[in-house]
Amino acid sequence: MMARIEVTRLTDDTFRVEVHEGGGSSSHEVTASAADVQRYGGEVGAEKLIEASFRFLLEREPKESILARFDLPVIERYFPEYPREIRGKLD
């Protein structure tokens, strides 16, 4: 079953992400500046980019392993393929 991901904008560049999967859920706070959104997502909105980014992460680790609070570019430090692969998830 695919995870349900809810992205809520808290401030201009801060988002709360709730991941519901397998009868459990996790909550995360992600910071994504306008420059981050442009760099990784192009013309895609921030919420869509963050949702796709969480799908990318969930393919690689359980929701419990995703950091509770992080800046979007941190994903690239752990997964160098992120910038290349995230574009494909946005099409």
PDB file of N, CA and C in Angstrom:
ATOM      1  N   MET A   1       0.842  -1.195   0.000  1.00  0.00           N
ATOM      2  CA  MET A   1       0.000   0.000   0.000  1.00  0.00           C
ATOM      3  C   MET A   1       0.878   1.246   0.000  1.00  0.00           C
ATOM      4  N   MET A   2       0.508   2.199  -0.827  1.00  0.00           N
ATOM      5  CA  MET A   2       1.298   3.414  -0.926  1.00  0.00           C
ATOM      6  C   MET A   2       1.011   4.332   0.262  1.00  0.00           C
ATOM      7  N   ALA A   3       2.045   4.966   0.752  1.00  0.00           N
ATOM      8  CA  ALA A   3       1.893   5.885   1.879  1.00  0.00           C
ATOM      9  C   ALA A   3       1.050   7.089   1.467  1.00  0.00           C
ATOM     10  N   ARG A   4       0.304   7.621   2.423  1.00  0.00           N
ATOM     11  CA  ARG A   4      -0.426   8.874   2.220  1.00  0.00           C
ATOM     12  C   ARG A   4       0.425   9.974   2.828  1.00  0.00           C
ATOM     13  N   ILE A   5       0.729  10.978   2.028  1.00  0.00           N
ATOM     14  CA  ILE A   5       1.614  12.062   2.456  1.00  0.00           C
ATOM     15  C   ILE A   5       0.835  13.366   2.404  1.00  0.00           C
ATOM     16  N   GLU A   6       0.770  14.057   3.541  1.00  0.00           N
ATOM     17  CA  GLU A   6       0.073  15.345   3.614  1.00  0.00           C
ATOM     18  C   GLU A   6       1.104  16.431   3.894  1.00  0.00           C
ATOM     19  N   VAL A   7       1.124  17.438   3.033  1.00  0.00           N
ATOM     20  CA  VAL A   7       2.066  18.548   3.176  1.00  0.00           C
ATOM     21  C   VAL A   7       1.276  19.810   3.495  1.00  0.00           C
ATOM     22  N   THR A   8       1.633  20.471   4.588  1.00  0.00           N
ATOM     23  CA  THR A   8       0.968  21.703   5.010  1.00  0.00           C
ATOM     24  C   THR A   8       2.006  22.803   5.138  1.00  0.00           C
ATOM     25  N   ARG A   9       1.753  23.930   4.463  1.00  0.00           N
ATOM     26  CA  ARG A   9       2.683  25.064   4.552  1.00  0.00           C
ATOM     27  C   ARG A   9       2.460  25.773   5.885  1.00  0.00           C
ATOM     28  N   LEU A  10       3.536  25.922   6.665  1.00  0.00           N
ATOM     29  CA  LEU A  10       3.453  26.611   7.956  1.00  0.00           C
ATOM     30  C   LEU A  10       3.877  28.071   7.826  1.00  0.00           C
ATOM     31  N   THR A  11       4.950  28.314   7.090  1.00  0.00           N
ATOM     32  CA  THR A  11       5.417  29.672   6.798  1.00  0.00           C
ATOM     33  C   THR A  11       5.828  29.675   5.330  1.00  0.00           C
ATOM     34  N   ASP A  12       6.416  30.771   4.864  1.00  0.00           N
ATOM     35  CA  ASP A  12       6.821  30.835   3.458  1.00  0.00           C
ATOM     36  C   ASP A  12       7.682  29.655   3.047  1.00  0.00           C
ATOM     37  N   ASP A  13       8.585  29.229   3.937  1.00  0.00           N
ATOM     38  CA  ASP A  13       9.509  28.165   3.538  1.00  0.00           C
ATOM     39  C   ASP A  13       9.578  26.990   4.514  1.00  0.00           C
ATOM     40  N   THR A  14       8.584  26.870   5.389  1.00  0.00           N
ATOM     41  CA  THR A  14       8.542  25.753   6.331  1.00  0.00           C
ATOM     42  C   THR A  14       7.248  24.966   6.130  1.00  0.00           C
ATOM     43  N   PHE A  15       7.383  23.644   6.118  1.00  0.00           N
ATOM     44  CA  PHE A  15       6.254  22.764   5.825  1.00  0.00           C
ATOM     45  C   PHE A  15       6.192  21.636   6.844  1.00  0.00           C
ATOM     46  N   ARG A  16       4.975  21.279   7.234  1.00  0.00           N
ATOM     47  CA  ARG A  16       4.791  20.086   8.062  1.00  0.00           C
ATOM     48  C   ARG A  16       4.385  18.962   7.118  1.00  0.00           C
ATOM     49  N   VAL A  17       5.010  17.814   7.305  1.00  0.00           N
ATOM     50  CA  VAL A  17       4.715  16.655   6.465  1.00  0.00           C
ATOM     51  C   VAL A  17       4.277  15.513   7.369  1.00  0.00           C
ATOM     52  N   GLU A  18       3.089  14.986   7.096  1.00  0.00           N
ATOM     53  CA  GLU A  18       2.566  13.829   7.828  1.00  0.00           C
ATOM     54  C   GLU A  18       2.599  12.641   6.873  1.00  0.00           C
ATOM     55  N   VAL A  19       3.220  11.562   7.322  1.00  0.00           N
ATOM     56  CA  VAL A  19       3.290  10.341   6.518  1.00  0.00           C
ATOM     57  C   VAL A  19       2.446   9.278   7.211  1.00  0.00           C
ATOM     58  N   HIS A  20       1.435   8.777   6.513  1.00  0.00           N
ATOM     59  CA  HIS A  20       0.551   7.733   7.047  1.00  0.00           C
ATOM     60  C   HIS A  20       0.799   6.466   6.239  1.00  0.00           C
ATOM     61  N   GLU A  21       1.216   5.419   6.931  1.00  0.00           N
ATOM     62  CA  GLU A  21       1.574   4.187   6.235  1.00  0.00           C
ATOM     63  C   GLU A  21       1.508   3.022   7.209  1.00  0.00           C
ATOM     64  N   GLY A  22       0.919   1.933   6.754  1.00  0.00           N
ATOM     65  CA  GLY A  22       0.914   0.719   7.550  1.00  0.00           C
ATOM     66  C   GLY A  22       0.321   0.866   8.937  1.00  0.00           C
ATOM     67  N   GLY A  23      -0.731   1.640   9.072  1.00  0.00           N
ATOM     68  CA  GLY A  23      -1.389   1.793  10.365  1.00  0.00           C
ATOM     69  C   GLY A  23      -0.694   2.744  11.314  1.00  0.00           C
ATOM     70  N   GLY A  24       0.420   3.338  10.892  1.00  0.00           N
ATOM     71  CA  GLY A  24       1.134   4.294  11.740  1.00  0.00           C
ATOM     72  C   GLY A  24       1.376   5.581  10.982  1.00  0.00           C
ATOM     73  N   SER A  25       1.878   6.574  11.695  1.00  0.00           N
ATOM     74  CA  SER A  25       2.173   7.838  11.029  1.00  0.00           C
ATOM     75  C   SER A  25       3.420   8.458  11.641  1.00  0.00           C
ATOM     76  N   SER A  26       4.013   9.370  10.890  1.00  0.00           N
ATOM     77  CA  SER A  26       5.162  10.125  11.381  1.00  0.00           C
ATOM     78  C   SER A  26       4.974  11.570  10.952  1.00  0.00           C
ATOM     79  N   SER A  27       5.595  12.472  11.691  1.00  0.00           N
ATOM     80  CA  SER A  27       5.464  13.901  11.417  1.00  0.00           C
ATOM     81  C   SER A  27       6.855  14.499  11.253  1.00  0.00           C
ATOM     82  N   HIS A  28       6.986  15.379  10.272  1.00  0.00           N
ATOM     83  CA  HIS A  28       8.285  15.960   9.947  1.00  0.00           C
ATOM     84  C   HIS A  28       8.105  17.441   9.647  1.00  0.00           C
ATOM     85  N   GLU A  29       9.162  18.213   9.873  1.00  0.00           N
ATOM     86  CA  GLU A  29       9.156  19.627   9.504  1.00  0.00           C
ATOM     87  C   GLU A  29      10.294  19.853   8.522  1.00  0.00           C
ATOM     88  N   VAL A  30       9.938  20.356   7.345  1.00  0.00           N
ATOM     89  CA  VAL A  30      10.909  20.529   6.271  1.00  0.00           C
ATOM     90  C   VAL A  30      10.990  22.004   5.904  1.00  0.00           C
ATOM     91  N   THR A  31      12.205  22.490   5.752  1.00  0.00           N
ATOM     92  CA  THR A  31      12.424  23.851   5.282  1.00  0.00           C
ATOM     93  C   THR A  31      12.883  23.780   3.830  1.00  0.00           C
ATOM     94  N   ALA A  32      12.209  24.536   2.972  1.00  0.00           N
ATOM     95  CA  ALA A  32      12.563  24.588   1.556  1.00  0.00           C
ATOM     96  C   ALA A  32      12.428  26.028   1.091  1.00  0.00           C
ATOM     97  N   SER A  33      13.554  26.661   0.812  1.00  0.00           N
ATOM     98  CA  SER A  33      13.530  28.047   0.335  1.00  0.00           C
ATOM     99  C   SER A  33      13.035  28.077  -1.109  1.00  0.00           C
ATOM    100  N   ALA A  34      12.683  29.256  -1.574  1.00  0.00           N
ATOM    101  CA  ALA A  34      12.262  29.398  -2.969  1.00  0.00           C
ATOM    102  C   ALA A  34      13.379  28.931  -3.897  1.00  0.00           C
ATOM    103  N   ALA A  35      14.631  29.206  -3.537  1.00  0.00           N
ATOM    104  CA  ALA A  35      15.776  28.769  -4.354  1.00  0.00           C
ATOM    105  C   ALA A  35      15.875  27.243  -4.378  1.00  0.00           C
ATOM    106  N   ASP A  36      15.617  26.597  -3.231  1.00  0.00           N
ATOM    107  CA  ASP A  36      15.631  25.126  -3.183  1.00  0.00           C
ATOM    108  C   ASP A  36      14.554  24.557  -4.104  1.00  0.00           C
ATOM    109  N   VAL A  37      13.362  25.126  -4.016  1.00  0.00           N
ATOM    110  CA  VAL A  37      12.237  24.639  -4.824  1.00  0.00           C
ATOM    111  C   VAL A  37      12.563  24.796  -6.305  1.00  0.00           C
ATOM    112  N   GLN A  38      13.127  25.927  -6.680  1.00  0.00           N
ATOM    113  CA  GLN A  38      13.499  26.171  -8.078  1.00  0.00           C
ATOM    114  C   GLN A  38      14.582  25.189  -8.523  1.00  0.00           C
ATOM    115  N   ARG A  39      15.574  24.970  -7.667  1.00  0.00           N
ATOM    116  CA  ARG A  39      16.699  24.099  -8.023  1.00  0.00           C
ATOM    117  C   ARG A  39      16.261  22.654  -8.244  1.00  0.00           C
ATOM    118  N   TYR A  40      15.449  22.138  -7.339  1.00  0.00           N
ATOM    119  CA  TYR A  40      15.079  20.724  -7.412  1.00  0.00           C
ATOM    120  C   TYR A  40      13.802  20.474  -8.203  1.00  0.00           C
ATOM    121  N   GLY A  41      12.899  21.441  -8.192  1.00  0.00           N
ATOM    122  CA  GLY A  41      11.592  21.202  -8.799  1.00  0.00           C
ATOM    123  C   GLY A  41      11.253  22.038 -10.003  1.00  0.00           C
ATOM    124  N   GLY A  42      12.099  23.001 -10.334  1.00  0.00           N
ATOM    125  CA  GLY A  42      11.793  23.862 -11.472  1.00  0.00           C
ATOM    126  C   GLY A  42      10.543  24.675 -11.203  1.00  0.00           C
ATOM    127  N   GLU A  43       9.554  24.530 -12.074  1.00  0.00           N
ATOM    128  CA  GLU A  43       8.325  25.321 -11.960  1.00  0.00           C
ATOM    129  C   GLU A  43       7.274  24.678 -11.059  1.00  0.00           C
ATOM    130  N   VAL A  44       7.587  23.521 -10.508  1.00  0.00           N
ATOM    131  CA  VAL A  44       6.626  22.799  -9.665  1.00  0.00           C
ATOM    132  C   VAL A  44       6.462  23.522  -8.330  1.00  0.00           C
ATOM    133  N   GLY A  45       5.277  23.498  -7.775  1.00  0.00           N
ATOM    134  CA  GLY A  45       5.043  24.117  -6.472  1.00  0.00           C
ATOM    135  C   GLY A  45       5.782  23.390  -5.359  1.00  0.00           C
ATOM    136  N   ALA A  46       6.038  24.107  -4.277  1.00  0.00           N
ATOM    137  CA  ALA A  46       6.798  23.552  -3.155  1.00  0.00           C
ATOM    138  C   ALA A  46       6.129  22.317  -2.565  1.00  0.00           C
ATOM    139  N   GLU A  47       4.807  22.375  -2.381  1.00  0.00           N
ATOM    140  CA  GLU A  47       4.115  21.236  -1.770  1.00  0.00           C
ATOM    141  C   GLU A  47       4.273  19.969  -2.607  1.00  0.00           C
ATOM    142  N   LYS A  48       4.141  20.112  -3.913  1.00  0.00           N
ATOM    143  CA  LYS A  48       4.282  18.944  -4.793  1.00  0.00           C
ATOM    144  C   LYS A  48       5.715  18.411  -4.744  1.00  0.00           C
ATOM    145  N   LEU A  49       6.689  19.297  -4.740  1.00  0.00           N
ATOM    146  CA  LEU A  49       8.092  18.884  -4.661  1.00  0.00           C
ATOM    147  C   LEU A  49       8.364  18.137  -3.360  1.00  0.00           C
ATOM    148  N   ILE A  50       7.854  18.647  -2.254  1.00  0.00           N
ATOM    149  CA  ILE A  50       8.097  18.004  -0.959  1.00  0.00           C
ATOM    150  C   ILE A  50       7.409  16.645  -0.896  1.00  0.00           C
ATOM    151  N   GLU A  51       6.195  16.562  -1.404  1.00  0.00           N
ATOM    152  CA  GLU A  51       5.518  15.253  -1.432  1.00  0.00           C
ATOM    153  C   GLU A  51       6.337  14.250  -2.245  1.00  0.00           C
ATOM    154  N   ALA A  52       6.795  14.655  -3.431  1.00  0.00           N
ATOM    155  CA  ALA A  52       7.605  13.768  -4.274  1.00  0.00           C
ATOM    156  C   ALA A  52       8.913  13.407  -3.577  1.00  0.00           C
ATOM    157  N   SER A  53       9.474  14.356  -2.844  1.00  0.00           N
ATOM    158  CA  SER A  53      10.727  14.106  -2.124  1.00  0.00           C
ATOM    159  C   SER A  53      10.526  13.054  -1.042  1.00  0.00           C
ATOM    160  N   PHE A  54       9.383  13.083  -0.385  1.00  0.00           N
ATOM    161  CA  PHE A  54       9.102  12.063   0.629  1.00  0.00           C
ATOM    162  C   PHE A  54       8.864  10.700  -0.018  1.00  0.00           C
ATOM    163  N   ARG A  55       8.244  10.675  -1.190  1.00  0.00           N
ATOM    164  CA  ARG A  55       8.098   9.393  -1.890  1.00  0.00           C
ATOM    165  C   ARG A  55       9.480   8.842  -2.239  1.00  0.00           C
ATOM    166  N   PHE A  56      10.373   9.720  -2.679  1.00  0.00           N
ATOM    167  CA  PHE A  56      11.759   9.335  -2.972  1.00  0.00           C
ATOM    168  C   PHE A  56      12.408   8.731  -1.725  1.00  0.00           C
ATOM    169  N   LEU A  57      12.262   9.412  -0.590  1.00  0.00           N
ATOM    170  CA  LEU A  57      12.863   8.915   0.651  1.00  0.00           C
ATOM    171  C   LEU A  57      12.261   7.577   1.073  1.00  0.00           C
ATOM    172  N   LEU A  58      10.944   7.449   0.956  1.00  0.00           N
ATOM    173  CA  LEU A  58      10.269   6.221   1.396  1.00  0.00           C
ATOM    174  C   LEU A  58      10.646   5.007   0.545  1.00  0.00           C
ATOM    175  N   GLU A  59      11.135   5.253  -0.664  1.00  0.00           N
ATOM    176  CA  GLU A  59      11.636   4.143  -1.484  1.00  0.00           C
ATOM    177  C   GLU A  59      12.967   3.623  -0.941  1.00  0.00           C
ATOM    178  N   ARG A  60      13.613   4.420  -0.081  1.00  0.00           N
ATOM    179  CA  ARG A  60      14.956   4.102   0.393  1.00  0.00           C
ATOM    180  C   ARG A  60      15.051   3.805   1.883  1.00  0.00           C
ATOM    181  N   GLU A  61      14.058   4.230   2.641  1.00  0.00           N
ATOM    182  CA  GLU A  61      14.105   4.019   4.089  1.00  0.00           C
ATOM    183  C   GLU A  61      12.694   4.091   4.660  1.00  0.00           C
ATOM    184  N   PRO A  62      12.473   3.445   5.820  1.00  0.00           N
ATOM    185  CA  PRO A  62      11.153   3.536   6.450  1.00  0.00           C
ATOM    186  C   PRO A  62      10.895   4.946   6.976  1.00  0.00           C
ATOM    187  N   LYS A  63       9.626   5.282   7.118  1.00  0.00           N
ATOM    188  CA  LYS A  63       9.269   6.637   7.578  1.00  0.00           C
ATOM    189  C   LYS A  63       9.920   6.982   8.900  1.00  0.00           C
ATOM    190  N   GLU A  64      10.127   5.968   9.748  1.00  0.00           N
ATOM    191  CA  GLU A  64      10.725   6.207  11.068  1.00  0.00           C
ATOM    192  C   GLU A  64      12.187   6.644  10.973  1.00  0.00           C
ATOM    193  N   SER A  65      12.825   6.381   9.827  1.00  0.00           N
ATOM    194  CA  SER A  65      14.232   6.756   9.651  1.00  0.00           C
ATOM    195  C   SER A  65      14.397   8.157   9.074  1.00  0.00           C
ATOM    196  N   ILE A  66      13.309   8.733   8.576  1.00  0.00           N
ATOM    197  CA  ILE A  66      13.389  10.082   8.000  1.00  0.00           C
ATOM    198  C   ILE A  66      13.516  11.083   9.144  1.00  0.00           C
ATOM    199  N   LEU A  67      14.439  12.012   8.998  1.00  0.00           N
ATOM    200  CA  LEU A  67      14.679  13.006  10.048  1.00  0.00           C
ATOM    201  C   LEU A  67      13.392  13.752  10.399  1.00  0.00           C
ATOM    202  N   ALA A  68      13.242  14.098  11.665  1.00  0.00           N
ATOM    203  CA  ALA A  68      12.046  14.812  12.118  1.00  0.00           C
ATOM    204  C   ALA A  68      12.032  16.248  11.612  1.00  0.00           C
ATOM    205  N   ARG A  69      13.221  16.820  11.431  1.00  0.00           N
ATOM    206  CA  ARG A  69      13.316  18.216  10.985  1.00  0.00           C
ATOM    207  C   ARG A  69      14.558  18.349  10.112  1.00  0.00           C
ATOM    208  N   PHE A  70      14.391  18.873   8.906  1.00  0.00           N
ATOM    209  CA  PHE A  70      15.555  19.030   8.029  1.00  0.00           C
ATOM    210  C   PHE A  70      15.275  20.041   6.924  1.00  0.00           C
ATOM    211  N   ASP A  71      16.361  20.535   6.339  1.00  0.00           N
ATOM    212  CA  ASP A  71      16.296  21.400   5.165  1.00  0.00           C
ATOM    213  C   ASP A  71      16.316  20.500   3.932  1.00  0.00           C
ATOM    214  N   LEU A  72      15.510  20.811   2.949  1.00  0.00           N
ATOM    215  CA  LEU A  72      15.381  19.958   1.769  1.00  0.00           C
ATOM    216  C   LEU A  72      16.729  19.550   1.152  1.00  0.00           C
ATOM    217  N   PRO A  73      17.715  20.451   1.012  1.00  0.00           N
ATOM    218  CA  PRO A  73      18.987  20.045   0.397  1.00  0.00           C
ATOM    219  C   PRO A  73      19.741  18.949   1.156  1.00  0.00           C
ATOM    220  N   VAL A  74      19.385  18.707   2.405  1.00  0.00           N
ATOM    221  CA  VAL A  74      20.039  17.645   3.181  1.00  0.00           C
ATOM    222  C   VAL A  74      19.836  16.285   2.502  1.00  0.00           C
ATOM    223  N   ILE A  75      18.713  16.114   1.806  1.00  0.00           N
ATOM    224  CA  ILE A  75      18.447  14.834   1.138  1.00  0.00           C
ATOM    225  C   ILE A  75      19.608  14.477   0.211  1.00  0.00           C
ATOM    226  N   GLU A  76      20.120  15.482  -0.489  1.00  0.00           N
ATOM    227  CA  GLU A  76      21.195  15.242  -1.453  1.00  0.00           C
ATOM    228  C   GLU A  76      22.481  14.768  -0.767  1.00  0.00           C
ATOM    229  N   ARG A  77      22.697  15.186   0.466  1.00  0.00           N
ATOM    230  CA  ARG A  77      23.885  14.722   1.205  1.00  0.00           C
ATOM    231  C   ARG A  77      23.823  13.223   1.459  1.00  0.00           C
ATOM    232  N   TYR A  78      22.636  12.732   1.785  1.00  0.00           N
ATOM    233  CA  TYR A  78      22.466  11.303   2.060  1.00  0.00           C
ATOM    234  C   TYR A  78      22.287  10.489   0.779  1.00  0.00           C
ATOM    235  N   PHE A  79      21.639  11.102  -0.215  1.00  0.00           N
ATOM    236  CA  PHE A  79      21.319  10.404  -1.463  1.00  0.00           C
ATOM    237  C   PHE A  79      21.739  11.291  -2.640  1.00  0.00           C
ATOM    238  N   PRO A  80      22.989  11.150  -3.103  1.00  0.00           N
ATOM    239  CA  PRO A  80      23.503  12.038  -4.162  1.00  0.00           C
ATOM    240  C   PRO A  80      22.684  11.999  -5.453  1.00  0.00           C
ATOM    241  N   GLU A  81      21.911  10.931  -5.657  1.00  0.00           N
ATOM    242  CA  GLU A  81      21.106  10.820  -6.878  1.00  0.00           C
ATOM    243  C   GLU A  81      19.825  11.653  -6.805  1.00  0.00           C
ATOM    244  N   TYR A  82      19.532  12.236  -5.652  1.00  0.00           N
ATOM    245  CA  TYR A  82      18.269  12.965  -5.449  1.00  0.00           C
ATOM    246  C   TYR A  82      17.988  14.025  -6.521  1.00  0.00           C
ATOM    247  N   PRO A  83      18.924  14.954  -6.808  1.00  0.00           N
ATOM    248  CA  PRO A  83      18.585  16.006  -7.786  1.00  0.00           C
ATOM    249  C   PRO A  83      18.189  15.444  -9.152  1.00  0.00           C
ATOM    250  N   ARG A  84      18.861  14.388  -9.572  1.00  0.00           N
ATOM    251  CA  ARG A  84      18.578  13.793 -10.875  1.00  0.00           C
ATOM    252  C   ARG A  84      17.247  13.039 -10.855  1.00  0.00           C
ATOM    253  N   GLU A  85      17.026  12.257  -9.819  1.00  0.00           N
ATOM    254  CA  GLU A  85      15.840  11.394  -9.784  1.00  0.00           C
ATOM    255  C   GLU A  85      14.558  12.136  -9.428  1.00  0.00           C
ATOM    256  N   ILE A  86      14.652  13.217  -8.666  1.00  0.00           N
ATOM    257  CA  ILE A  86      13.429  13.893  -8.228  1.00  0.00           C
ATOM    258  C   ILE A  86      12.691  14.495  -9.424  1.00  0.00           C
ATOM    259  N   ARG A  87      13.436  14.972 -10.419  1.00  0.00           N
ATOM    260  CA  ARG A  87      12.784  15.551 -11.605  1.00  0.00           C
ATOM    261  C   ARG A  87      11.883  14.532 -12.288  1.00  0.00           C
ATOM    262  N   GLY A  88      12.319  13.278 -12.344  1.00  0.00           N
ATOM    263  CA  GLY A  88      11.516  12.225 -12.971  1.00  0.00           C
ATOM    264  C   GLY A  88      10.232  11.938 -12.217  1.00  0.00           C
ATOM    265  N   LYS A  89      10.238  12.185 -10.907  1.00  0.00           N
ATOM    266  CA  LYS A  89       9.043  11.934 -10.090  1.00  0.00           C
ATOM    267  C   LYS A  89       8.028  13.073 -10.219  1.00  0.00           C
ATOM    268  N   LEU A  90       8.440  14.167 -10.800  1.00  0.00           N
ATOM    269  CA  LEU A  90       7.560  15.337 -10.897  1.00  0.00           C
ATOM    270  C   LEU A  90       6.821  15.400 -12.230  1.00  0.00           C
ATOM    271  N   ASP A  91       7.210  14.558 -13.175  1.00  0.00           N
ATOM    272  CA  ASP A  91       6.570  14.603 -14.503  1.00  0.00           C
ATOM    273  C   ASP A  91       5.163  14.043 -14.467  1.00  0.00           C
TER     274      ASP A  91
END
